C-alpha atoms as a PDB file:
ATOM      1  CA  UNK A   1      -7.270  22.745-104.797  1.00  0.00           C
ATOM      2  CA  UNK A   2      -6.445  20.656-107.887  1.00  0.00           C
ATOM      3  CA  UNK A   3      -4.415  23.544-109.297  1.00  0.00           C
ATOM      4  CA  UNK A   4      -2.479  23.876-106.048  1.00  0.00           C
ATOM      5  CA  UNK A   5      -1.657  20.149-106.016  1.00  0.00           C
ATOM      6  CA  UNK A   6      -0.531  20.314-109.643  1.00  0.00           C
ATOM      7  CA  UNK A   7       1.655  23.296-108.766  1.00  0.00           C
ATOM      8  CA  UNK A   8       3.269  21.361-105.905  1.00  0.00           C
ATOM      9  CA  UNK A   9       3.984  18.406-108.199  1.00  0.00           C
ATOM     10  CA  UNK A  10       5.647  20.726-110.727  1.00  0.00           C
ATOM     11  CA  UNK A  11       7.770  22.328-108.001  1.00  0.00           C
ATOM     12  CA  UNK A  12       8.786  18.941-106.619  1.00  0.00           C
ATOM     13  CA  UNK A  13       9.778  17.491-109.996  1.00  0.00           C
ATOM     14  CA  UNK A  14      11.546  20.673-111.108  1.00  0.00           C
ATOM     15  CA  UNK A  15      13.906  20.448-108.152  1.00  0.00           C
ATOM     16  CA  UNK A  16      15.101  17.048-109.415  1.00  0.00           C
ATOM     17  CA  UNK A  17      15.462  18.019-113.070  1.00  0.00           C
ATOM     18  CA  UNK A  18      19.079  18.076-114.209  1.00  0.00           C
ATOM     19  CA  UNK A  19      18.494  18.324-117.946  1.00  0.00           C
ATOM     20  CA  UNK A  20      19.783  21.546-119.448  1.00  0.00           C
ATOM     21  CA  UNK A  21      21.356  22.925-122.591  1.00  0.00           C
ATOM     22  CA  UNK A  22      24.258  25.394-122.396  1.00  0.00           C
ATOM     23  CA  UNK A  23      25.767  27.500-125.158  1.00  0.00           C
ATOM     24  CA  UNK A  24      28.920  29.477-124.281  1.00  0.00           C
ATOM     25  CA  UNK A  25      29.331  32.621-126.396  1.00  0.00           C
ATOM     26  CA  UNK A  26      32.581  34.584-126.345  1.00  0.00           C
ATOM     27  CA  UNK A  27      31.713  38.103-127.504  1.00  0.00           C
ATOM     28  CA  UNK A  28      28.922  40.213-129.000  1.00  0.00           C
ATOM     29  CA  UNK A  29      28.196  40.283-132.714  1.00  0.00           C
ATOM     30  CA  UNK A  30      26.816  43.775-132.200  1.00  0.00           C
ATOM     31  CA  UNK A  31      25.354  46.037-129.524  1.00  0.00           C
ATOM     32  CA  UNK A  32      22.374  48.010-130.840  1.00  0.00           C
ATOM     33  CA  UNK A  33      18.737  48.947-130.338  1.00  0.00           C
ATOM     34  CA  UNK A  34      17.398  45.924-132.189  1.00  0.00           C
ATOM     35  CA  UNK A  35      14.922  43.192-131.268  1.00  0.00           C
ATOM     36  CA  UNK A  36      13.582  41.367-134.340  1.00  0.00           C
ATOM     37  CA  UNK A  37      10.980  39.502-132.261  1.00  0.00           C
ATOM     38  CA  UNK A  38       9.420  42.374-130.284  1.00  0.00           C
ATOM     39  CA  UNK A  39      10.214  45.260-132.683  1.00  0.00           C
ATOM     40  CA  UNK A  40      10.878  43.753-136.142  1.00  0.00           C
ATOM     41  CA  UNK A  41      12.334  46.251-138.594  1.00  0.00           C
ATOM     42  CA  UNK A  42      12.382  49.239-136.217  1.00  0.00           C
ATOM     43  CA  UNK A  43      14.468  50.525-133.306  1.00  0.00           C
ATOM     44  CA  UNK A  44      13.916  48.795-129.990  1.00  0.00           C
ATOM     45  CA  UNK A  45      13.113  50.781-126.867  1.00  0.00           C
ATOM     46  CA  UNK A  46      16.487  49.907-125.346  1.00  0.00           C
ATOM     47  CA  UNK A  47      19.955  48.636-126.224  1.00  0.00           C
ATOM     48  CA  UNK A  48      20.666  44.901-126.623  1.00  0.00           C
ATOM     49  CA  UNK A  49      23.902  42.915-126.589  1.00  0.00           C
ATOM     50  CA  UNK A  50      23.600  40.317-129.365  1.00  0.00           C
ATOM     51  CA  UNK A  51      25.655  37.117-129.547  1.00  0.00           C
ATOM     52  CA  UNK A  52      25.655  34.225-132.015  1.00  0.00           C
ATOM     53  CA  UNK A  53      25.342  34.160-135.795  1.00  0.00           C
ATOM     54  CA  UNK A  54      26.713  36.922-138.012  1.00  0.00           C
ATOM     55  CA  UNK A  55      23.395  37.219-139.896  1.00  0.00           C
ATOM     56  CA  UNK A  56      21.649  39.237-137.155  1.00  0.00           C
ATOM     57  CA  UNK A  57      19.416  41.996-138.520  1.00  0.00           C
ATOM     58  CA  UNK A  58      16.559  44.275-137.402  1.00  0.00           C
ATOM     59  CA  UNK A  59      14.016  42.188-139.295  1.00  0.00           C
ATOM     60  CA  UNK A  60      15.842  38.906-139.744  1.00  0.00           C
ATOM     61  CA  UNK A  61      14.247  35.735-141.021  1.00  0.00           C
ATOM     62  CA  UNK A  62      15.089  32.105-140.415  1.00  0.00           C
ATOM     63  CA  UNK A  63      16.798  32.018-143.816  1.00  0.00           C
ATOM     64  CA  UNK A  64      19.000  35.013-142.895  1.00  0.00           C
ATOM     65  CA  UNK A  65      20.023  33.336-139.645  1.00  0.00           C
ATOM     66  CA  UNK A  66      20.929  30.111-141.480  1.00  0.00           C
ATOM     67  CA  UNK A  67      22.974  32.129-143.993  1.00  0.00           C
ATOM     68  CA  UNK A  68      25.284  33.403-141.217  1.00  0.00           C
ATOM     69  CA  UNK A  69      28.931  32.842-142.086  1.00  0.00           C
ATOM     70  CA  UNK A  70      30.144  32.466-138.492  1.00  0.00           C
ATOM     71  CA  UNK A  71      29.079  32.507-134.839  1.00  0.00           C
ATOM     72  CA  UNK A  72      30.497  34.012-131.654  1.00  0.00           C
ATOM     73  CA  UNK A  73      29.266  30.919-129.779  1.00  0.00           C
ATOM     74  CA  UNK A  74      31.307  27.791-129.158  1.00  0.00           C
ATOM     75  CA  UNK A  75      28.883  25.548-131.056  1.00  0.00           C
ATOM     76  CA  UNK A  76      29.709  27.019-134.460  1.00  0.00           C
ATOM     77  CA  UNK A  77      26.999  25.034-136.245  1.00  0.00           C
ATOM     78  CA  UNK A  78      24.440  26.910-134.103  1.00  0.00           C
ATOM     79  CA  UNK A  79      23.802  30.050-136.139  1.00  0.00           C
ATOM     80  CA  UNK A  80      21.020  31.292-133.852  1.00  0.00           C
ATOM     81  CA  UNK A  81      21.202  34.679-132.158  1.00  0.00           C
ATOM     82  CA  UNK A  82      20.830  35.383-128.455  1.00  0.00           C
ATOM     83  CA  UNK A  83      20.326  38.841-127.018  1.00  0.00           C
ATOM     84  CA  UNK A  84      19.934  40.442-123.640  1.00  0.00           C
ATOM     85  CA  UNK A  85      19.335  44.031-122.535  1.00  0.00           C
ATOM     86  CA  UNK A  86      22.686  45.822-122.281  1.00  0.00           C
ATOM     87  CA  UNK A  87      23.836  46.537-118.745  1.00  0.00           C
ATOM     88  CA  UNK A  88      24.836  50.001-117.500  1.00  0.00           C
ATOM     89  CA  UNK A  89      26.361  51.266-114.263  1.00  0.00           C
ATOM     90  CA  UNK A  90      25.097  54.573-112.874  1.00  0.00           C
ATOM     91  CA  UNK A  91      27.903  56.479-111.165  1.00  0.00           C
ATOM     92  CA  UNK A  92      27.586  58.892-108.249  1.00  0.00           C
ATOM     93  CA  UNK A  93      27.687  61.746-110.751  1.00  0.00           C
ATOM     94  CA  UNK A  94      24.534  60.362-112.416  1.00  0.00           C
ATOM     95  CA  UNK A  95      26.362  59.363-115.599  1.00  0.00           C
ATOM     96  CA  UNK A  96      25.811  55.920-117.119  1.00  0.00           C
ATOM     97  CA  UNK A  97      28.712  53.715-118.205  1.00  0.00           C
ATOM     98  CA  UNK A  98      28.306  50.592-120.323  1.00  0.00           C
ATOM     99  CA  UNK A  99      29.316  47.387-118.520  1.00  0.00           C
ATOM    100  CA  UNK A 100      31.282  45.246-120.977  1.00  0.00           C
ATOM    101  CA  UNK A 101      30.398  41.604-121.544  1.00  0.00           C
ATOM    102  CA  UNK A 102      33.752  40.398-120.255  1.00  0.00           C
ATOM    103  CA  UNK A 103      34.034  36.728-121.135  1.00  0.00           C
ATOM    104  CA  UNK A 104      30.802  36.690-123.130  1.00  0.00           C
ATOM    105  CA  UNK A 105      27.687  34.982-121.847  1.00  0.00           C
ATOM    106  CA  UNK A 106      26.451  31.505-121.148  1.00  0.00           C
ATOM    107  CA  UNK A 107      22.976  30.771-122.483  1.00  0.00           C
ATOM    108  CA  UNK A 108      21.166  27.917-120.777  1.00  0.00           C
ATOM    109  CA  UNK A 109      17.746  26.333-120.944  1.00  0.00           C
ATOM    110  CA  UNK A 110      16.219  24.279-118.150  1.00  0.00           C
END
């Protein structure tokens, strides 16, 4: 019962939270099978669209990220990288077509 009450309090307060952090990014740095957190140094199981700092690598370190020379995100001092699984459309013929990241992406944290 205590856990349920705590859960209700969290739900109630979350609905009133307006604090967030947004980072608009205009275009990908690269689209590849890389995920340095889940699969460092090796191919990922699926394709990712990567935005942010130019220092992105299969086995990147904090130092490599900070050494980026530019960013595809609006906050140019933010040299972090952000990646999402790449999106595909499956046509009636069964073929897959890559869906472009038109306009980039907006990263947000609640």
